[in-house]
Amino acid sequence: MTLSSITLGDVVSGAVFSGSKKVDMDAVLPFMILPLLLITATTSFTVTVIVMVVIAMGTLYVLSRPRAKNRSPFFFSWTLSSGVTMYLVYQIHVLKSYQITMLENFGFLMFTLCTGYFFYRLKAVAEYELTGASKGKDYSPVLTSDSHYCPICQIEVNEKFFHSIWWDCCVFRPNYSYFLVGQVFALITLLYGTNLGLTFACHPFVFYGNILLPESCDHVYEYYNSAIVFVTCIYGLGYALVIILVLIHQLMVYIPKYTELQWRKYVNVLNV
């Protein structure tokens, strides 16, 4: 192929294929869609409400679909893009305003690192136990009577609780504690981070001691910096609400199931 015969299609195909591996656009789209939605939402309060409703309706639609249709990496990428976007907004617009103390920033970073660690362990244990990453390609786990077929992973999973499309892995007994603690730290991080952001974008008031809370947010759309922080915080609060619902569901359904075996083992030890 000569230089003059190179077309736009050749350039695009070269960008899409790297090392003979096709880039999955489902994994890339969230990193473009979410920032675009948040930037659009900075236009006005009405647009903010519309954007948040669209995101919420999209989430409900995904959860209402048959599980076998939710095999796309799009959902896991949406989780990653949400974390990355909110963290970048904090770093670029909130932290550089010099209105955050070193102690507040240190606390936020610690919560963020703890959240990342527990969710990393969630996926690492799932990969280790279910795919046999360290046991070779022909690894086949020994199935027990309590194994369940996962229509998304398309494998049998021992002691399976559920499949999380937002973390793209099965949650079962060996990694359930990481999932649960990760959700708790994610909730703390979101509530703490959104409070820092809202007290930056809005007029704050002293709640108790050095604790500030947002009071009036009437002016946030006058400047882009305050608008993007405000919109991102609203998105973060919506995310926090979802996590609260997830934790309530865990408390009612899966925590009793998880602790039942632990209590049985403890009782058996006492009876020996």
Protein backbone atom coordinates (compact mmCIF):
# COMPACT_ATOMS: atom_id res chain seq x y z
CA MET A 1 0.00 0.00 0.00
CA THR A 2 1.45 3.36 -1.03
CA LEU A 3 1.13 6.52 1.01
CA SER A 4 -1.33 8.02 -1.45
CA SER A 5 -3.65 5.04 -1.15
CA ILE A 6 -4.05 5.25 2.63
CA THR A 7 -7.66 6.12 3.43
CA LEU A 8 -9.49 7.25 6.55
CA GLY A 9 -10.76 3.70 6.97
CA ASP A 10 -7.20 2.42 7.16
CA VAL A 11 -6.36 4.96 9.85
CA VAL A 12 -9.46 4.07 11.87
CA SER A 13 -8.83 0.34 11.54
CA GLY A 14 -5.26 0.89 12.70
CA ALA A 15 -6.51 2.74 15.76
CA VAL A 16 -9.18 0.17 16.55
CA PHE A 17 -6.90 -2.83 16.17
CA SER A 18 -3.86 -3.03 18.40
CA GLY A 19 -1.79 -6.19 18.35
CA SER A 20 -4.55 -7.94 16.40
CA LYS A 21 -6.95 -7.29 19.29
CA LYS A 22 -10.11 -5.32 18.65
CA VAL A 23 -10.84 -2.50 21.06
CA ASP A 24 -14.23 -3.10 22.70
CA MET A 25 -16.14 0.14 22.23
CA ASP A 26 -18.51 -0.87 25.05
CA ALA A 27 -15.59 -0.49 27.43
CA VAL A 28 -14.61 2.91 26.03
CA LEU A 29 -18.00 4.61 25.62
CA PRO A 30 -18.67 5.31 29.33
CA PHE A 31 -15.48 7.37 29.56
CA MET A 32 -16.90 9.61 26.83
CA ILE A 33 -20.61 9.53 27.65
CA LEU A 34 -20.48 10.33 31.39
CA PRO A 35 -18.23 13.43 31.18
CA LEU A 36 -20.33 14.68 28.26
CA LEU A 37 -23.54 14.24 30.27
CA LEU A 38 -22.08 16.04 33.31
CA ILE A 39 -20.79 18.92 31.20
CA THR A 40 -24.20 19.21 29.52
CA ALA A 41 -25.84 19.26 32.96
CA THR A 42 -23.90 22.42 33.92
CA THR A 43 -26.13 24.47 31.60
CA SER A 44 -28.96 25.01 34.09
CA PHE A 45 -30.80 23.39 36.95
CA THR A 46 -33.51 22.11 34.60
CA VAL A 47 -30.94 20.42 32.38
CA THR A 48 -29.27 18.95 35.47
CA VAL A 49 -32.55 17.37 36.53
CA ILE A 50 -33.16 16.00 33.03
CA VAL A 51 -29.67 14.48 32.81
CA MET A 52 -29.94 12.85 36.25
CA VAL A 53 -33.35 11.42 35.40
CA VAL A 54 -31.98 10.01 32.13
CA ILE A 55 -29.11 8.33 34.00
CA ALA A 56 -31.51 6.92 36.61
CA MET A 57 -33.92 5.62 33.97
CA GLY A 58 -31.05 4.02 32.09
CA THR A 59 -29.92 2.25 35.27
CA LEU A 60 -33.43 0.98 35.99
CA TYR A 61 -33.74 -0.27 32.41
CA VAL A 62 -30.48 -2.20 32.70
CA LEU A 63 -31.52 -3.79 35.99
CA SER A 64 -34.91 -4.80 34.56
CA ARG A 65 -33.41 -6.65 31.60
CA PRO A 66 -32.75 -10.41 31.62
CA ARG A 67 -29.36 -11.05 33.21
CA ALA A 68 -28.03 -12.88 30.17
CA LYS A 69 -28.20 -9.60 28.20
CA ASN A 70 -25.97 -7.74 30.66
CA ARG A 71 -22.71 -9.41 29.64
CA SER A 72 -21.22 -6.23 28.17
CA PRO A 73 -18.13 -4.63 29.78
CA PHE A 74 -20.01 -1.33 29.42
CA PHE A 75 -21.35 -1.50 32.99
CA PHE A 76 -17.99 -2.16 34.63
CA SER A 77 -16.49 0.65 32.57
CA TRP A 78 -19.32 2.91 33.73
CA THR A 79 -18.33 2.19 37.34
CA LEU A 80 -14.69 2.97 36.59
CA SER A 81 -15.55 6.11 34.62
CA SER A 82 -17.76 7.32 37.48
CA GLY A 83 -14.94 6.97 39.99
CA VAL A 84 -12.33 8.50 37.70
CA THR A 85 -14.57 11.42 36.66
CA MET A 86 -15.59 12.32 40.20
CA TYR A 87 -11.98 12.08 41.41
CA LEU A 88 -10.69 14.28 38.58
CA VAL A 89 -13.35 16.92 39.25
CA TYR A 90 -12.28 16.91 42.89
CA GLN A 91 -8.59 17.23 42.00
CA ILE A 92 -8.98 19.85 39.26
CA HIS A 93 -11.71 22.08 40.66
CA VAL A 94 -12.06 21.51 44.41
CA LEU A 95 -8.55 20.75 45.64
CA LYS A 96 -6.93 23.53 43.60
CA SER A 97 -9.26 26.09 45.16
CA TYR A 98 -7.20 25.84 48.37
CA GLN A 99 -10.41 25.68 50.39
CA ILE A 100 -9.68 22.10 51.45
CA THR A 101 -7.36 21.55 54.41
CA MET A 102 -4.55 18.98 54.31
CA LEU A 103 -6.38 16.86 56.89
CA GLU A 104 -9.59 16.86 54.83
CA ASN A 105 -7.68 15.93 51.69
CA PHE A 106 -5.79 13.18 53.52
CA GLY A 107 -9.05 11.72 54.82
CA PHE A 108 -10.60 11.76 51.35
CA LEU A 109 -7.56 10.07 49.82
CA MET A 110 -7.54 7.37 52.51
CA PHE A 111 -11.23 6.60 51.96
CA THR A 112 -10.64 6.50 48.19
CA LEU A 113 -7.66 4.15 48.51
CA CYS A 114 -9.56 1.83 50.86
CA THR A 115 -12.48 1.71 48.43
CA GLY A 116 -10.18 0.90 45.53
CA TYR A 117 -8.32 -1.77 47.52
CA PHE A 118 -11.40 -3.73 48.58
CA PHE A 119 -12.96 -3.68 45.12
CA TYR A 120 -9.61 -4.71 43.62
CA ARG A 121 -9.56 -7.66 46.00
CA LEU A 122 -13.17 -8.43 45.06
CA LYS A 123 -12.23 -8.92 41.41
CA ALA A 124 -8.86 -10.54 42.14
CA VAL A 125 -10.42 -13.26 44.30
CA ALA A 126 -13.16 -13.85 41.72
CA GLU A 127 -10.60 -14.24 38.96
CA TYR A 128 -8.41 -16.50 41.08
CA GLU A 129 -11.22 -18.77 42.25
CA LEU A 130 -13.41 -18.90 39.15
CA THR A 131 -11.03 -18.74 36.22
CA GLY A 132 -8.03 -20.45 37.78
CA ALA A 133 -5.73 -17.65 36.65
CA SER A 134 -2.84 -19.11 38.63
CA LYS A 135 -3.73 -22.75 38.00
CA GLY A 136 -3.42 -22.95 34.23
CA LYS A 137 -5.84 -22.74 31.33
CA ASP A 138 -7.29 -26.21 31.90
CA TYR A 139 -8.29 -25.49 35.50
CA SER A 140 -11.75 -26.79 36.36
CA PRO A 141 -13.12 -26.16 39.88
CA VAL A 142 -14.67 -29.00 41.84
CA LEU A 143 -18.39 -28.28 41.96
CA THR A 144 -20.45 -28.87 45.07
CA SER A 145 -24.16 -29.31 45.73
CA ASP A 146 -24.61 -25.56 46.32
CA SER A 147 -23.13 -24.48 42.99
CA HIS A 148 -25.21 -22.20 40.74
CA TYR A 149 -24.89 -21.45 37.05
CA CYS A 150 -24.08 -17.83 36.21
CA PRO A 151 -25.67 -16.85 32.87
CA ILE A 152 -23.28 -13.89 32.53
CA CYS A 153 -20.00 -15.65 33.36
CA GLN A 154 -21.42 -18.83 31.77
CA ILE A 155 -19.84 -21.08 34.41
CA GLU A 156 -20.93 -22.93 37.55
CA VAL A 157 -20.06 -21.02 40.72
CA ASN A 158 -19.78 -22.61 44.17
CA GLU A 159 -21.48 -20.73 47.03
CA LYS A 160 -22.63 -18.01 44.64
CA PHE A 161 -24.64 -15.09 46.02
CA PHE A 162 -25.14 -12.97 42.89
CA HIS A 163 -23.37 -11.52 39.85
CA SER A 164 -22.47 -7.83 39.92
CA ILE A 165 -22.54 -6.38 36.41
CA TRP A 166 -21.13 -3.10 37.78
CA TRP A 167 -17.97 -4.93 38.88
CA ASP A 168 -18.11 -7.57 36.14
CA CYS A 169 -17.66 -10.55 38.45
CA CYS A 170 -19.56 -13.05 40.55
CA VAL A 171 -19.90 -12.32 44.25
CA PHE A 172 -19.68 -15.51 46.28
CA ARG A 173 -18.49 -16.54 49.73
CA PRO A 174 -14.70 -16.09 49.23
CA ASN A 175 -15.01 -12.47 48.01
CA TYR A 176 -18.29 -11.36 49.60
CA SER A 177 -16.59 -9.62 52.54
CA TYR A 178 -14.55 -7.51 50.10
CA PHE A 179 -17.73 -6.55 48.24
CA LEU A 180 -19.51 -5.57 51.45
CA VAL A 181 -16.66 -3.57 52.98
CA GLY A 182 -15.95 -1.97 49.61
CA GLN A 183 -19.54 -0.75 49.40
CA VAL A 184 -19.30 0.73 52.91
CA PHE A 185 -16.08 2.60 52.07
CA ALA A 186 -17.56 3.72 48.73
CA LEU A 187 -20.54 5.19 50.59
CA ILE A 188 -18.28 6.99 53.09
CA THR A 189 -16.08 8.31 50.28
CA LEU A 190 -19.05 9.60 48.29
CA LEU A 191 -20.72 11.29 51.25
CA TYR A 192 -17.47 12.85 52.43
CA GLY A 193 -16.36 13.89 48.94
CA THR A 194 -19.72 15.37 47.95
CA ASN A 195 -19.80 17.38 51.18
CA LEU A 196 -16.36 18.81 50.36
CA GLY A 197 -17.54 19.60 46.84
CA LEU A 198 -20.85 21.15 47.83
CA THR A 199 -19.28 23.35 50.50
CA PHE A 200 -16.95 24.57 47.74
CA ALA A 201 -19.66 25.20 45.14
CA CYS A 202 -22.35 26.49 47.51
CA HIS A 203 -22.44 28.88 50.44
CA PRO A 204 -21.48 26.80 53.51
CA PHE A 205 -22.43 27.17 57.13
CA VAL A 206 -20.79 25.85 60.28
CA PHE A 207 -22.71 22.78 61.44
CA TYR A 208 -20.53 21.86 64.43
CA GLY A 209 -16.93 22.77 65.23
CA ASN A 210 -14.98 22.59 61.96
CA ILE A 211 -17.71 20.67 60.13
CA LEU A 212 -19.24 22.63 57.23
CA LEU A 213 -22.43 21.85 55.34
CA PRO A 214 -23.82 23.47 52.16
CA GLU A 215 -26.59 26.01 52.68
CA SER A 216 -27.42 28.02 49.55
CA CYS A 217 -26.58 26.86 46.02
CA ASP A 218 -28.41 29.56 44.05
CA HIS A 219 -25.28 30.88 42.33
CA VAL A 220 -23.64 27.62 41.22
CA TYR A 221 -24.53 27.97 37.52
CA GLU A 222 -22.92 31.41 37.22
CA TYR A 223 -19.42 29.92 36.94
CA TYR A 224 -18.32 26.72 35.22
CA ASN A 225 -16.07 25.61 38.10
CA SER A 226 -18.87 25.68 40.66
CA ALA A 227 -21.39 24.26 38.17
CA ILE A 228 -19.34 21.17 37.26
CA VAL A 229 -18.57 20.50 40.92
CA PHE A 230 -22.24 20.90 41.88
CA VAL A 231 -23.46 18.62 39.08
CA THR A 232 -20.83 15.98 39.89
CA CYS A 233 -21.82 16.08 43.55
CA ILE A 234 -25.48 15.57 42.65
CA TYR A 235 -24.43 12.57 40.58
CA GLY A 236 -22.33 11.35 43.51
CA LEU A 237 -25.27 11.66 45.91
CA GLY A 238 -27.41 9.63 43.50
CA TYR A 239 -24.68 7.00 43.42
CA ALA A 240 -24.60 7.05 47.24
CA LEU A 241 -28.36 6.48 47.35
CA VAL A 242 -27.97 3.41 45.15
CA ILE A 243 -25.25 2.06 47.47
CA ILE A 244 -27.50 2.60 50.49
CA LEU A 245 -30.21 0.54 48.78
CA VAL A 246 -27.64 -2.15 47.94
CA LEU A 247 -26.48 -2.29 51.58
CA ILE A 248 -30.07 -2.56 52.82
CA HIS A 249 -30.62 -5.43 50.39
CA GLN A 250 -27.42 -7.10 51.64
CA LEU A 251 -28.55 -6.69 55.24
CA MET A 252 -31.89 -8.34 54.53
CA VAL A 253 -30.82 -11.13 52.17
CA TYR A 254 -27.13 -11.94 51.86
CA ILE A 255 -25.53 -11.00 55.20
CA PRO A 256 -27.68 -13.57 57.07
CA LYS A 257 -26.76 -16.14 54.42
CA TYR A 258 -23.07 -15.27 54.72
CA THR A 259 -22.98 -15.35 58.51
CA GLU A 260 -25.04 -18.54 58.85
CA LEU A 261 -22.15 -20.83 57.95
CA GLN A 262 -19.77 -18.86 60.19
CA TRP A 263 -22.10 -19.36 63.16
CA ARG A 264 -22.43 -23.06 62.37
CA LYS A 265 -18.67 -23.46 62.37
CA TYR A 266 -18.43 -21.57 65.65
CA VAL A 267 -21.13 -23.70 67.28
CA ASN A 268 -19.49 -26.88 66.02
CA VAL A 269 -16.19 -25.83 67.58
CA LEU A 270 -17.89 -25.19 70.92
CA ASN A 271 -19.59 -28.58 70.80
CA VAL A 272 -16.36 -30.46 70.16
